[in-house]
N, C-alpha and C. Protein backbone atom coordinates (compact mmCIF):
# COMPACT_ATOMS: atom_id res chain seq x y z
N MET A 1 141.60 61.79 -53.98
CA MET A 1 141.83 61.83 -52.44
C MET A 1 143.38 61.45 -52.19
N SER A 2 144.02 61.91 -51.32
CA SER A 2 145.52 61.79 -50.91
C SER A 2 145.50 60.58 -50.01
N SER A 3 146.57 59.77 -50.22
CA SER A 3 146.51 58.73 -49.21
C SER A 3 147.46 59.01 -48.26
N GLU A 4 147.96 60.14 -48.28
CA GLU A 4 149.33 60.57 -47.13
C GLU A 4 148.38 60.98 -45.79
N ALA A 5 149.21 60.85 -44.67
CA ALA A 5 148.67 61.31 -43.56
C ALA A 5 148.74 62.87 -43.37
N PRO A 6 147.26 63.47 -42.60
CA PRO A 6 147.16 64.40 -42.90
C PRO A 6 148.00 65.42 -41.68
N ALA A 7 147.99 66.91 -41.67
CA ALA A 7 148.87 67.27 -40.60
C ALA A 7 148.99 66.92 -39.11
N SER A 8 147.33 66.24 -38.91
CA SER A 8 146.91 65.84 -37.58
C SER A 8 147.73 64.65 -37.04
N GLY A 9 148.25 63.99 -38.35
CA GLY A 9 148.88 62.51 -37.88
C GLY A 9 148.02 61.37 -38.20
N LYS A 10 146.84 61.61 -38.41
CA LYS A 10 145.72 60.61 -38.57
C LYS A 10 145.79 60.17 -40.03
N ALA A 11 145.72 58.85 -40.31
CA ALA A 11 145.67 58.21 -41.82
C ALA A 11 144.51 58.74 -42.40
N ILE A 12 144.33 58.60 -43.36
CA ILE A 12 143.07 58.83 -44.30
C ILE A 12 142.67 57.59 -44.55
N ARG A 13 141.16 56.98 -44.10
CA ARG A 13 140.56 55.80 -44.28
C ARG A 13 140.43 56.05 -45.91
N LEU A 14 140.98 55.12 -46.59
CA LEU A 14 140.59 54.74 -47.84
C LEU A 14 139.55 53.36 -48.26
N PRO A 15 138.86 53.32 -49.19
CA PRO A 15 138.08 52.32 -49.49
C PRO A 15 139.16 51.00 -49.47
N ARG A 16 138.84 49.73 -49.09
CA ARG A 16 139.75 48.43 -49.17
C ARG A 16 140.44 48.58 -50.61
N ASP A 17 139.67 48.44 -51.64
CA ASP A 17 140.55 48.21 -52.73
C ASP A 17 141.70 49.25 -53.32
N GLU A 18 141.05 50.54 -52.88
CA GLU A 18 141.69 51.53 -53.28
C GLU A 18 143.17 51.56 -52.28
N ARG A 19 143.01 51.14 -51.13
CA ARG A 19 144.18 50.95 -49.88
C ARG A 19 144.88 49.87 -50.53
N ARG A 20 144.47 48.75 -50.80
CA ARG A 20 145.33 47.59 -51.29
C ARG A 20 145.92 48.00 -52.51
N ARG A 21 145.48 48.77 -53.43
CA ARG A 21 146.21 49.22 -54.67
C ARG A 21 147.60 50.16 -54.33
N GLN A 22 146.89 50.80 -53.05
CA GLN A 22 148.20 51.62 -52.83
C GLN A 22 149.42 50.98 -51.98
N LEU A 23 148.94 49.98 -51.22
CA LEU A 23 149.97 49.08 -50.64
C LEU A 23 150.84 48.39 -51.80
N LEU A 24 149.96 47.98 -52.56
CA LEU A 24 150.62 47.14 -53.59
C LEU A 24 151.67 47.99 -54.51
N ASN A 25 151.23 49.37 -54.85
CA ASN A 25 152.27 50.20 -55.69
C ASN A 25 153.69 50.45 -54.64
N ALA A 26 153.34 50.83 -53.38
CA ALA A 26 154.39 50.72 -52.70
C ALA A 26 155.36 49.43 -52.72
N ALA A 27 154.57 48.33 -52.47
CA ALA A 27 155.61 47.42 -52.44
C ALA A 27 156.38 47.17 -53.86
N HIS A 28 155.62 47.50 -54.86
CA HIS A 28 156.56 47.42 -56.19
C HIS A 28 157.41 48.20 -55.95
N GLU A 29 157.44 49.62 -55.54
CA GLU A 29 158.52 50.39 -55.63
C GLU A 29 159.62 49.74 -54.84
N VAL A 30 159.53 49.18 -53.56
CA VAL A 30 160.62 48.81 -52.74
C VAL A 30 160.88 47.33 -53.32
N PHE A 31 160.32 46.74 -53.97
CA PHE A 31 160.66 45.22 -54.78
C PHE A 31 161.73 45.71 -55.70
N VAL A 32 161.71 46.49 -56.46
CA VAL A 32 162.13 46.49 -57.45
C VAL A 32 163.86 47.45 -57.07
N ALA A 33 163.49 48.17 -55.91
CA ALA A 33 164.52 48.72 -55.28
C ALA A 33 165.55 47.91 -54.63
N ASN A 34 165.00 46.94 -54.03
CA ASN A 34 165.98 45.88 -52.84
C ASN A 34 165.72 44.53 -53.23
N GLY A 35 164.62 44.44 -54.20
CA GLY A 35 164.74 42.68 -54.19
C GLY A 35 163.75 42.23 -53.30
N TYR A 36 163.36 41.17 -53.35
CA TYR A 36 162.47 40.46 -52.21
C TYR A 36 163.10 40.54 -51.00
N HIS A 37 164.23 39.68 -51.03
CA HIS A 37 164.93 39.23 -49.69
C HIS A 37 165.55 40.78 -49.02
N GLY A 38 165.63 41.66 -49.60
CA GLY A 38 166.36 43.22 -49.36
C GLY A 38 164.94 43.92 -48.87
N ALA A 39 163.75 43.54 -49.20
CA ALA A 39 162.63 44.36 -48.75
C ALA A 39 162.06 44.34 -47.51
N ALA A 40 161.68 45.39 -46.87
CA ALA A 40 161.18 45.14 -45.46
C ALA A 40 159.81 45.83 -45.29
N MET A 41 158.98 45.46 -44.46
CA MET A 41 157.76 45.78 -44.31
C MET A 41 157.76 47.18 -43.74
N ASP A 42 158.42 47.43 -42.97
CA ASP A 42 158.78 48.72 -42.51
C ASP A 42 158.86 49.44 -43.67
N GLU A 43 159.73 49.75 -44.59
CA GLU A 43 159.44 50.35 -45.61
C GLU A 43 158.82 50.47 -46.59
N ILE A 44 157.74 49.33 -46.90
CA ILE A 44 156.89 49.47 -47.42
C ILE A 44 155.86 50.16 -47.03
N ALA A 45 155.63 50.17 -45.56
CA ALA A 45 154.65 50.99 -44.94
C ALA A 45 155.10 52.59 -44.89
N GLU A 46 156.18 52.86 -44.93
CA GLU A 46 156.90 54.02 -44.98
C GLU A 46 156.35 54.63 -46.23
N VAL A 47 156.65 54.05 -47.26
CA VAL A 47 156.54 54.32 -48.72
C VAL A 47 155.00 54.47 -48.94
N ALA A 48 154.18 53.85 -48.58
CA ALA A 48 152.68 53.94 -48.58
C ALA A 48 152.09 54.84 -47.82
N HIS A 49 153.02 55.47 -46.75
CA HIS A 49 152.54 56.61 -45.98
C HIS A 49 151.35 55.86 -45.07
N VAL A 50 151.63 54.69 -44.51
CA VAL A 50 150.75 54.17 -43.76
C VAL A 50 151.57 53.30 -42.53
N SER A 51 150.64 53.04 -41.56
CA SER A 51 151.30 52.51 -40.38
C SER A 51 151.52 50.97 -40.68
N LYS A 52 152.46 50.37 -39.71
CA LYS A 52 152.72 48.92 -40.16
C LYS A 52 151.40 48.27 -39.65
N PRO A 53 150.35 48.33 -38.42
CA PRO A 53 149.40 47.78 -38.59
C PRO A 53 148.30 47.97 -39.51
N VAL A 54 148.28 48.95 -40.46
CA VAL A 54 147.46 49.06 -41.53
C VAL A 54 147.96 48.20 -42.70
N LEU A 55 149.23 48.12 -42.75
CA LEU A 55 149.91 47.33 -43.68
C LEU A 55 149.63 45.74 -43.73
N TYR A 56 149.46 45.43 -42.33
CA TYR A 56 149.61 43.91 -41.88
C TYR A 56 148.03 44.02 -41.74
N GLN A 57 146.79 44.73 -41.87
CA GLN A 57 145.56 44.60 -41.94
C GLN A 57 145.58 43.72 -43.13
N HIS A 58 146.26 44.52 -44.38
CA HIS A 58 145.49 44.00 -45.72
C HIS A 58 146.73 42.64 -46.01
N PHE A 59 147.82 42.41 -45.44
CA PHE A 59 148.64 41.59 -45.83
C PHE A 59 149.43 41.08 -44.86
N PRO A 60 149.10 39.43 -44.17
CA PRO A 60 149.91 39.02 -43.14
C PRO A 60 151.53 39.26 -42.88
N GLY A 61 152.14 39.31 -44.24
CA GLY A 61 153.42 39.07 -44.25
C GLY A 61 154.16 39.69 -45.60
N LYS A 62 155.38 39.62 -45.82
CA LYS A 62 156.07 40.11 -47.02
C LYS A 62 155.67 39.30 -48.25
N ARG A 63 155.83 37.58 -47.77
CA ARG A 63 155.86 36.79 -48.81
C ARG A 63 154.07 36.87 -49.43
N GLU A 64 153.21 37.05 -48.46
CA GLU A 64 151.83 37.21 -49.02
C GLU A 64 151.64 38.75 -49.83
N LEU A 65 152.29 39.71 -49.34
CA LEU A 65 152.31 40.99 -50.37
C LEU A 65 152.86 40.73 -51.64
N TYR A 66 154.13 39.94 -51.57
CA TYR A 66 155.02 39.72 -53.07
C TYR A 66 154.10 38.88 -53.63
N LEU A 67 153.28 37.66 -53.30
CA LEU A 67 152.14 36.88 -54.08
C LEU A 67 151.02 37.82 -54.75
N ALA A 68 150.94 38.73 -54.00
CA ALA A 68 149.45 39.67 -54.50
C ALA A 68 150.12 40.40 -55.73
N LEU A 69 151.15 40.91 -55.50
CA LEU A 69 151.90 41.65 -56.48
C LEU A 69 152.20 40.85 -57.69
N LEU A 70 152.82 39.69 -57.37
CA LEU A 70 152.92 38.75 -58.69
C LEU A 70 151.80 38.23 -59.28
N GLU A 71 150.46 38.29 -58.65
CA GLU A 71 149.29 37.75 -59.36
C GLU A 71 148.56 39.28 -60.02
N SER A 72 148.80 40.29 -59.50
CA SER A 72 148.33 41.48 -60.12
C SER A 72 149.08 41.74 -61.61
N HIS A 73 150.18 41.19 -61.50
CA HIS A 73 151.25 41.79 -62.80
C HIS A 73 150.73 40.55 -63.97
N LEU A 74 150.52 39.33 -63.26
CA LEU A 74 150.40 38.42 -64.25
C LEU A 74 149.10 38.59 -64.79
N ALA A 75 148.06 38.80 -64.04
CA ALA A 75 146.72 39.25 -64.72
C ALA A 75 147.03 40.04 -65.64
N SER A 76 147.33 41.24 -65.35
CA SER A 76 147.53 42.42 -66.31
C SER A 76 147.87 41.87 -67.67
N LEU A 77 148.94 41.04 -67.47
CA LEU A 77 149.97 40.48 -68.74
C LEU A 77 149.14 39.46 -69.43
N THR A 78 148.30 38.64 -69.00
CA THR A 78 147.49 37.56 -69.30
C THR A 78 146.07 38.60 -70.26
N GLU A 79 145.93 39.39 -69.54
CA GLU A 79 144.68 40.37 -70.21
C GLU A 79 145.12 40.75 -71.64
N LEU A 80 146.40 41.39 -71.45
CA LEU A 80 146.75 41.97 -72.55
C LEU A 80 147.12 40.73 -73.77
N LEU A 81 147.74 39.64 -73.56
CA LEU A 81 147.77 38.52 -74.29
C LEU A 81 146.44 37.99 -75.15
N VAL A 82 145.32 37.80 -74.10
CA VAL A 82 144.40 36.93 -74.48
C VAL A 82 143.51 38.13 -75.33
N GLU A 83 143.59 39.42 -74.84
CA GLU A 83 142.72 40.35 -75.87
C GLU A 83 143.45 40.44 -77.48
N ALA A 84 144.81 40.36 -77.11
CA ALA A 84 145.52 40.48 -78.40
C ALA A 84 145.06 38.94 -79.52
N LEU A 85 145.13 38.10 -78.73
CA LEU A 85 144.61 36.43 -79.61
C LEU A 85 143.42 36.64 -80.21
N ARG A 86 142.42 37.35 -79.20
CA ARG A 86 141.18 37.21 -79.66
C ARG A 86 140.71 38.70 -80.36
N SER A 87 141.46 39.42 -80.88
CA SER A 87 141.47 40.76 -81.74
C SER A 87 140.79 40.59 -82.94
N THR A 88 141.01 39.55 -83.40
CA THR A 88 141.23 39.10 -85.07
C THR A 88 140.92 37.80 -85.39
N THR A 89 140.22 37.28 -86.34
CA THR A 89 140.07 35.93 -86.51
C THR A 89 141.50 35.75 -87.88
N ASP A 90 142.02 36.56 -88.17
CA ASP A 90 143.22 36.69 -89.20
C ASP A 90 144.52 36.05 -88.33
N ASN A 91 144.87 34.60 -88.62
CA ASN A 91 145.80 34.25 -87.82
C ASN A 91 147.38 35.18 -87.73
N LYS A 92 147.54 35.55 -88.97
CA LYS A 92 148.50 36.41 -89.14
C LYS A 92 148.50 37.98 -88.51
N LEU A 93 147.46 38.72 -88.25
CA LEU A 93 147.03 39.43 -87.40
C LEU A 93 147.22 38.97 -85.84
N ARG A 94 147.03 38.04 -85.57
CA ARG A 94 146.91 37.46 -84.56
C ARG A 94 148.45 37.45 -83.75
N VAL A 95 148.97 36.56 -84.62
CA VAL A 95 150.64 36.63 -84.26
C VAL A 95 151.22 37.90 -84.29
N HIS A 96 150.87 38.94 -85.01
CA HIS A 96 151.58 40.07 -84.92
C HIS A 96 150.85 41.03 -83.67
N ALA A 97 149.85 40.98 -83.37
CA ALA A 97 149.29 41.61 -82.10
C ALA A 97 149.66 40.99 -80.98
N THR A 98 149.68 39.83 -81.00
CA THR A 98 150.24 38.88 -79.49
C THR A 98 151.61 39.38 -79.33
N MET A 99 152.60 39.26 -80.14
CA MET A 99 153.79 39.50 -80.05
C MET A 99 154.13 41.03 -79.65
N ARG A 100 153.35 41.80 -80.52
CA ARG A 100 153.68 43.20 -80.02
C ARG A 100 152.53 43.57 -78.66
N ALA A 101 151.90 42.77 -78.16
CA ALA A 101 151.35 43.17 -76.95
C ALA A 101 152.28 42.67 -75.93
N TYR A 102 153.02 41.57 -76.03
CA TYR A 102 154.24 41.25 -74.99
C TYR A 102 155.51 42.16 -74.69
N PHE A 103 155.90 42.67 -76.17
CA PHE A 103 156.75 44.04 -75.93
C PHE A 103 156.25 45.14 -75.45
N GLN A 104 154.98 45.39 -75.67
CA GLN A 104 154.36 46.74 -74.95
C GLN A 104 154.39 46.64 -73.36
N PHE A 105 153.88 45.55 -73.01
CA PHE A 105 153.80 45.24 -71.68
C PHE A 105 155.11 45.65 -71.21
N ILE A 106 156.33 45.01 -71.39
CA ILE A 106 157.63 45.37 -70.92
C ILE A 106 158.09 46.90 -71.08
N ALA A 107 157.66 47.25 -72.23
CA ALA A 107 158.06 48.69 -72.54
C ALA A 107 157.37 49.73 -71.45
N GLN A 108 156.04 49.24 -71.23
CA GLN A 108 154.98 50.06 -70.43
C GLN A 108 155.56 50.16 -69.05
N ASP A 109 155.88 49.04 -68.38
CA ASP A 109 156.48 48.61 -67.08
C ASP A 109 157.66 47.88 -67.26
N SER A 110 158.81 48.19 -67.42
CA SER A 110 159.97 46.95 -67.38
C SER A 110 160.21 46.31 -65.80
N GLN A 111 159.99 47.07 -65.08
CA GLN A 111 160.16 46.60 -63.56
C GLN A 111 159.04 45.59 -63.11
N ALA A 112 158.02 45.76 -63.52
CA ALA A 112 156.95 44.66 -63.32
C ALA A 112 157.38 43.28 -64.14
N HIS A 113 157.71 43.63 -65.07
CA HIS A 113 158.08 42.13 -65.86
C HIS A 113 159.60 41.84 -65.22
N ARG A 114 160.19 42.44 -64.53
CA ARG A 114 161.64 42.04 -63.95
C ARG A 114 161.13 41.25 -62.38
N ILE A 115 160.15 41.82 -62.09
CA ILE A 115 159.50 41.44 -60.64
C ILE A 115 158.82 39.82 -60.95
N VAL A 116 158.02 39.84 -62.15
CA VAL A 116 157.56 38.47 -62.51
C VAL A 116 158.72 37.24 -63.03
N PHE A 117 159.23 37.85 -63.71
CA PHE A 117 160.56 36.75 -64.28
C PHE A 117 161.54 36.82 -63.80
N GLU A 118 162.24 37.72 -62.93
CA GLU A 118 163.70 37.54 -62.48
C GLU A 118 163.80 37.73 -61.18
N SER A 119 162.69 37.54 -60.42
CA SER A 119 162.52 37.74 -58.92
C SER A 119 163.44 36.89 -58.40
N ASP A 120 164.02 37.24 -57.21
CA ASP A 120 164.78 36.09 -55.96
C ASP A 120 164.16 35.33 -55.82
N LEU A 121 162.73 35.17 -55.84
CA LEU A 121 161.93 34.27 -55.00
C LEU A 121 161.50 33.19 -56.16
N ASN A 122 161.85 33.24 -57.23
CA ASN A 122 161.02 32.33 -58.31
C ASN A 122 161.32 30.90 -58.06
N ASN A 123 162.16 30.59 -57.19
CA ASN A 123 162.16 28.75 -56.89
C ASN A 123 160.97 28.54 -55.60
N ASP A 124 160.33 29.58 -55.22
CA ASP A 124 159.36 29.55 -54.27
C ASP A 124 158.51 28.50 -54.88
N PRO A 125 157.81 27.54 -54.06
CA PRO A 125 156.71 26.62 -54.87
C PRO A 125 155.43 27.50 -55.35
N ASP A 126 154.94 28.11 -54.43
CA ASP A 126 153.84 29.34 -54.74
C ASP A 126 154.10 30.29 -55.77
N VAL A 127 155.33 30.56 -55.76
CA VAL A 127 155.53 31.54 -57.13
C VAL A 127 155.65 30.67 -58.42
N SER A 128 156.24 29.64 -58.38
CA SER A 128 156.51 28.79 -59.82
C SER A 128 155.35 28.38 -59.88
N ARG A 129 154.47 27.75 -59.15
CA ARG A 129 153.07 27.42 -59.15
C ARG A 129 152.32 28.58 -60.17
N ARG A 130 152.49 29.76 -59.59
CA ARG A 130 151.80 30.84 -60.32
C ARG A 130 152.34 31.12 -61.86
N LEU A 131 153.46 31.00 -61.82
CA LEU A 131 154.11 31.45 -63.16
C LEU A 131 153.99 30.41 -64.23
N GLU A 132 153.76 29.13 -63.67
CA GLU A 132 153.63 27.92 -64.48
C GLU A 132 151.93 28.15 -64.90
N ALA A 133 151.14 28.57 -63.99
CA ALA A 133 149.63 28.55 -64.73
C ALA A 133 149.62 29.73 -65.52
N PHE A 134 150.55 30.73 -65.43
CA PHE A 134 150.39 31.80 -66.73
C PHE A 134 150.83 31.11 -67.78
N ASN A 135 152.09 30.59 -67.90
CA ASN A 135 152.63 29.95 -68.94
C ASN A 135 151.37 29.06 -69.75
N ALA A 136 151.02 28.53 -68.83
CA ALA A 136 150.00 27.17 -69.44
C ALA A 136 148.81 28.13 -69.84
N ARG A 137 148.45 29.03 -69.46
CA ARG A 137 147.09 29.64 -69.85
C ARG A 137 147.54 30.24 -71.37
N PHE A 138 148.66 31.13 -71.33
CA PHE A 138 149.14 31.39 -72.27
C PHE A 138 149.36 30.55 -73.72
N ALA A 139 149.91 29.52 -73.29
CA ALA A 139 150.11 28.41 -74.29
C ALA A 139 149.18 27.92 -74.91
N ASP A 140 147.90 27.59 -73.97
CA ASP A 140 146.91 26.90 -74.50
C ASP A 140 145.92 27.91 -75.01
N GLU A 141 146.09 29.31 -74.74
CA GLU A 141 145.44 29.96 -75.69
C GLU A 141 145.76 30.00 -77.15
N ILE A 142 147.18 30.19 -77.37
CA ILE A 142 147.65 29.97 -78.74
C ILE A 142 147.32 28.26 -79.20
N ALA A 143 147.80 27.55 -78.48
CA ALA A 143 147.01 25.97 -78.98
C ALA A 143 145.79 26.12 -79.50
N GLY A 144 144.74 26.55 -78.96
CA GLY A 144 143.42 26.36 -79.20
C GLY A 144 143.06 27.07 -80.77
N VAL A 145 144.07 28.35 -80.95
CA VAL A 145 143.98 28.89 -82.28
C VAL A 145 144.75 27.91 -83.54
N ILE A 146 145.96 27.28 -82.81
CA ILE A 146 146.51 26.48 -83.87
C ILE A 146 145.73 25.04 -84.22
N SER A 147 145.21 24.40 -83.23
CA SER A 147 144.42 23.33 -83.31
C SER A 147 143.23 23.62 -84.23
N GLY A 148 142.58 24.51 -83.93
CA GLY A 148 141.37 25.10 -84.81
C GLY A 148 141.64 25.48 -86.14
N ASP A 149 143.02 25.54 -86.63
CA ASP A 149 143.16 26.23 -87.82
C ASP A 149 144.05 25.00 -88.72
N THR A 150 144.31 23.90 -88.21
CA THR A 150 145.27 23.17 -89.03
C THR A 150 144.90 21.86 -88.36
N ARG A 151 145.86 20.49 -88.99
CA ARG A 151 145.56 19.39 -88.49
C ARG A 151 146.05 18.59 -87.47
N LEU A 152 146.84 19.56 -86.83
CA LEU A 152 147.58 19.08 -85.59
C LEU A 152 146.55 18.78 -84.62
N SER A 153 147.33 17.89 -83.63
CA SER A 153 146.47 17.26 -82.30
C SER A 153 146.44 18.68 -81.57
N HIS A 154 145.67 18.33 -80.38
CA HIS A 154 145.80 19.62 -79.33
C HIS A 154 147.17 19.23 -78.79
N LEU A 155 147.70 18.42 -78.10
CA LEU A 155 149.04 18.06 -77.75
C LEU A 155 150.25 18.57 -78.54
N GLU A 156 150.09 18.58 -79.99
CA GLU A 156 150.99 18.98 -80.93
C GLU A 156 151.02 20.55 -80.85
N ALA A 157 149.65 21.13 -81.06
CA ALA A 157 149.63 22.44 -80.90
C ALA A 157 149.90 23.16 -79.78
N THR A 158 149.93 22.35 -78.39
CA THR A 158 149.98 22.76 -77.19
C THR A 158 151.64 22.97 -77.00
N LEU A 159 152.40 21.95 -77.48
CA LEU A 159 153.88 21.95 -78.06
C LEU A 159 154.11 23.38 -78.64
N LEU A 160 153.35 23.75 -79.71
CA LEU A 160 153.77 24.91 -80.74
C LEU A 160 153.49 26.30 -79.71
N GLY A 161 152.44 25.82 -79.13
CA GLY A 161 151.71 27.24 -78.15
C GLY A 161 153.01 27.43 -77.23
N ARG A 162 153.28 26.42 -76.61
CA ARG A 162 154.78 26.80 -75.62
C ARG A 162 155.61 27.18 -76.36
N ALA A 163 156.41 26.45 -77.61
CA ALA A 163 157.29 27.43 -77.90
C ALA A 163 157.09 28.87 -78.59
N MET A 164 155.78 29.33 -79.02
CA MET A 164 156.02 30.35 -79.28
C MET A 164 155.68 31.35 -77.89
N ALA A 165 155.24 30.92 -77.14
CA ALA A 165 155.09 31.63 -75.78
C ALA A 165 156.43 31.96 -75.28
N GLY A 166 157.39 30.81 -75.05
CA GLY A 166 158.78 31.18 -74.98
C GLY A 166 159.41 32.02 -75.99
N MET A 167 159.16 31.79 -77.16
CA MET A 167 159.86 32.81 -77.91
C MET A 167 159.67 34.34 -77.45
N ALA A 168 158.10 34.45 -77.29
CA ALA A 168 157.93 36.11 -77.25
C ALA A 168 158.44 36.45 -75.79
N GLN A 169 158.55 35.41 -74.62
CA GLN A 169 159.07 35.88 -73.42
C GLN A 169 160.66 36.25 -73.46
N VAL A 170 161.42 34.98 -74.08
CA VAL A 170 162.94 35.36 -74.11
C VAL A 170 163.33 36.39 -75.15
N SER A 171 162.49 36.63 -75.98
CA SER A 171 163.24 37.59 -76.94
C SER A 171 162.76 38.70 -76.25
N ALA A 172 161.65 39.07 -75.63
CA ALA A 172 161.30 40.36 -75.22
C ALA A 172 162.21 40.69 -74.09
N ARG A 173 162.75 39.66 -73.12
CA ARG A 173 163.61 39.86 -71.99
C ARG A 173 164.83 40.37 -72.57
N TYR A 174 165.39 39.91 -73.48
CA TYR A 174 166.49 40.33 -74.13
C TYR A 174 166.22 41.91 -74.68
N TRP A 175 165.31 41.93 -75.51
CA TRP A 175 165.19 43.48 -76.08
C TRP A 175 165.12 44.30 -75.00
N LEU A 176 164.77 43.72 -73.85
CA LEU A 176 164.77 44.90 -72.73
C LEU A 176 165.86 45.24 -72.20
N GLU A 177 167.06 44.28 -72.09
CA GLU A 177 168.51 44.24 -72.03
C GLU A 177 169.28 45.30 -72.92
N THR A 178 168.64 45.66 -74.12
CA THR A 178 169.39 46.40 -75.23
C THR A 178 169.10 47.80 -74.70
N ASP A 179 168.23 48.20 -73.53
CA ASP A 179 167.86 49.89 -73.40
C ASP A 179 167.83 50.32 -74.72
N GLY A 180 166.94 49.84 -75.44
CA GLY A 180 166.38 51.07 -76.10
C GLY A 180 167.12 51.08 -77.40
N SER A 181 168.10 50.18 -77.73
CA SER A 181 168.90 50.42 -78.85
C SER A 181 168.23 49.67 -80.06
N LEU A 182 167.19 48.94 -79.89
CA LEU A 182 166.50 48.53 -81.13
C LEU A 182 164.75 49.07 -80.57
N ASP A 183 164.32 49.85 -81.86
CA ASP A 183 162.99 50.10 -81.42
C ASP A 183 161.90 49.03 -81.19
N ILE A 184 161.10 49.45 -80.37
CA ILE A 184 160.15 48.32 -79.94
C ILE A 184 159.16 47.61 -81.48
N ASP A 185 158.91 48.69 -82.26
CA ASP A 185 158.21 48.29 -83.35
C ASP A 185 158.94 47.24 -84.11
N ALA A 186 160.38 47.68 -84.59
CA ALA A 186 161.48 46.95 -85.37
C ALA A 186 161.70 45.64 -84.50
N ALA A 187 161.62 45.50 -83.27
CA ALA A 187 161.81 44.17 -82.36
C ALA A 187 160.81 43.21 -82.62
N SER A 188 159.45 43.82 -82.26
CA SER A 188 158.51 42.84 -82.36
C SER A 188 158.05 42.58 -83.65
N GLU A 189 158.39 43.39 -84.45
CA GLU A 189 158.46 42.77 -86.11
C GLU A 189 159.14 41.46 -86.41
N LEU A 190 160.28 41.73 -85.80
CA LEU A 190 161.40 40.66 -86.14
C LEU A 190 160.66 39.39 -85.68
N VAL A 191 160.64 39.35 -84.48
CA VAL A 191 160.02 38.05 -83.74
C VAL A 191 158.70 37.51 -84.42
N TYR A 192 157.85 38.88 -84.44
CA TYR A 192 156.49 38.20 -85.46
C TYR A 192 156.51 37.64 -86.63
N ARG A 193 157.71 38.19 -87.48
CA ARG A 193 158.01 37.44 -88.62
C ARG A 193 158.60 35.94 -88.72
N LEU A 194 159.57 35.83 -87.68
CA LEU A 194 159.83 34.46 -87.59
C LEU A 194 158.88 33.70 -86.83
N ALA A 195 158.03 34.07 -85.78
CA ALA A 195 156.98 32.96 -85.45
C ALA A 195 155.89 32.65 -86.62
N TRP A 196 155.68 33.75 -87.68
CA TRP A 196 154.57 33.36 -88.43
C TRP A 196 154.95 32.66 -89.46
N ARG A 197 156.20 32.79 -90.01
CA ARG A 197 156.90 32.15 -90.99
C ARG A 197 157.02 30.60 -90.89
N GLY A 198 156.81 30.49 -89.46
CA GLY A 198 157.03 29.04 -88.88
C GLY A 198 155.62 28.32 -88.93
N ILE A 199 155.04 28.98 -88.12
CA ILE A 199 153.76 28.69 -87.61
C ILE A 199 152.72 28.32 -89.17
N SER A 200 152.87 29.22 -90.06
CA SER A 200 152.03 29.29 -91.31
C SER A 200 152.01 28.39 -92.15
N ARG A 201 153.22 27.73 -92.05
CA ARG A 201 153.67 26.50 -92.95
C ARG A 201 152.94 25.14 -92.74
N PHE A 202 152.37 25.13 -91.39
CA PHE A 202 151.40 23.90 -91.24
C PHE A 202 150.20 23.94 -91.87
N PRO A 203 149.78 22.91 -92.57
CA PRO A 203 148.72 22.79 -93.31
C PRO A 203 147.45 23.15 -92.67
N LYS A 204 146.62 23.61 -93.40
CA LYS A 204 145.19 23.93 -92.71
C LYS A 204 144.43 22.69 -92.76
N GLU A 205 143.47 23.09 -91.93
CA GLU A 205 142.44 22.07 -91.80
C GLU A 205 141.21 22.04 -93.05
N MET A 206 140.91 20.89 -93.66
CA MET A 206 140.44 21.10 -94.77
C MET A 206 138.84 21.01 -94.36
């Protein structure tokens, strides 16, 4: 069903969830083009082909709209990473799948990654809290695998989980800046090898 207004000028009524997705997609486009501070609700409504009252029915303001978009992108990334970690019981393959999943998220929608990690609103307490919750969840999932397979304490495993999560994030962001100069498979393979050669040296649980 089209979300655009018909010739009569009346907006087509969509199910709430579908309308919400439409508005988030429009907001994504505007935030990418203009940044948070340069984005305007008028423009988001125009891109979504809805009236401002319809937009405000779903989101009280621009900040709430951005937070909803951030949560949506973080949820998608979390799902990909957790699925990769749980895809096998072979730890070597787990590391490979997780690094590949992170790079794949960026490759599929580099702008979503920029909205999440390079926004001009990242110092906002609510934004920072959501990013920290994501980082903590990712690191904790990795730590669970590490502590279950080594003699390390949970605290030690969590520190390593944070390090591996940071490695994935920073390296993938740098890869994005290379604009395809390095193939995604080659890039994720390099990072996976570095991570695995480090983590595999810790003693196995007897």
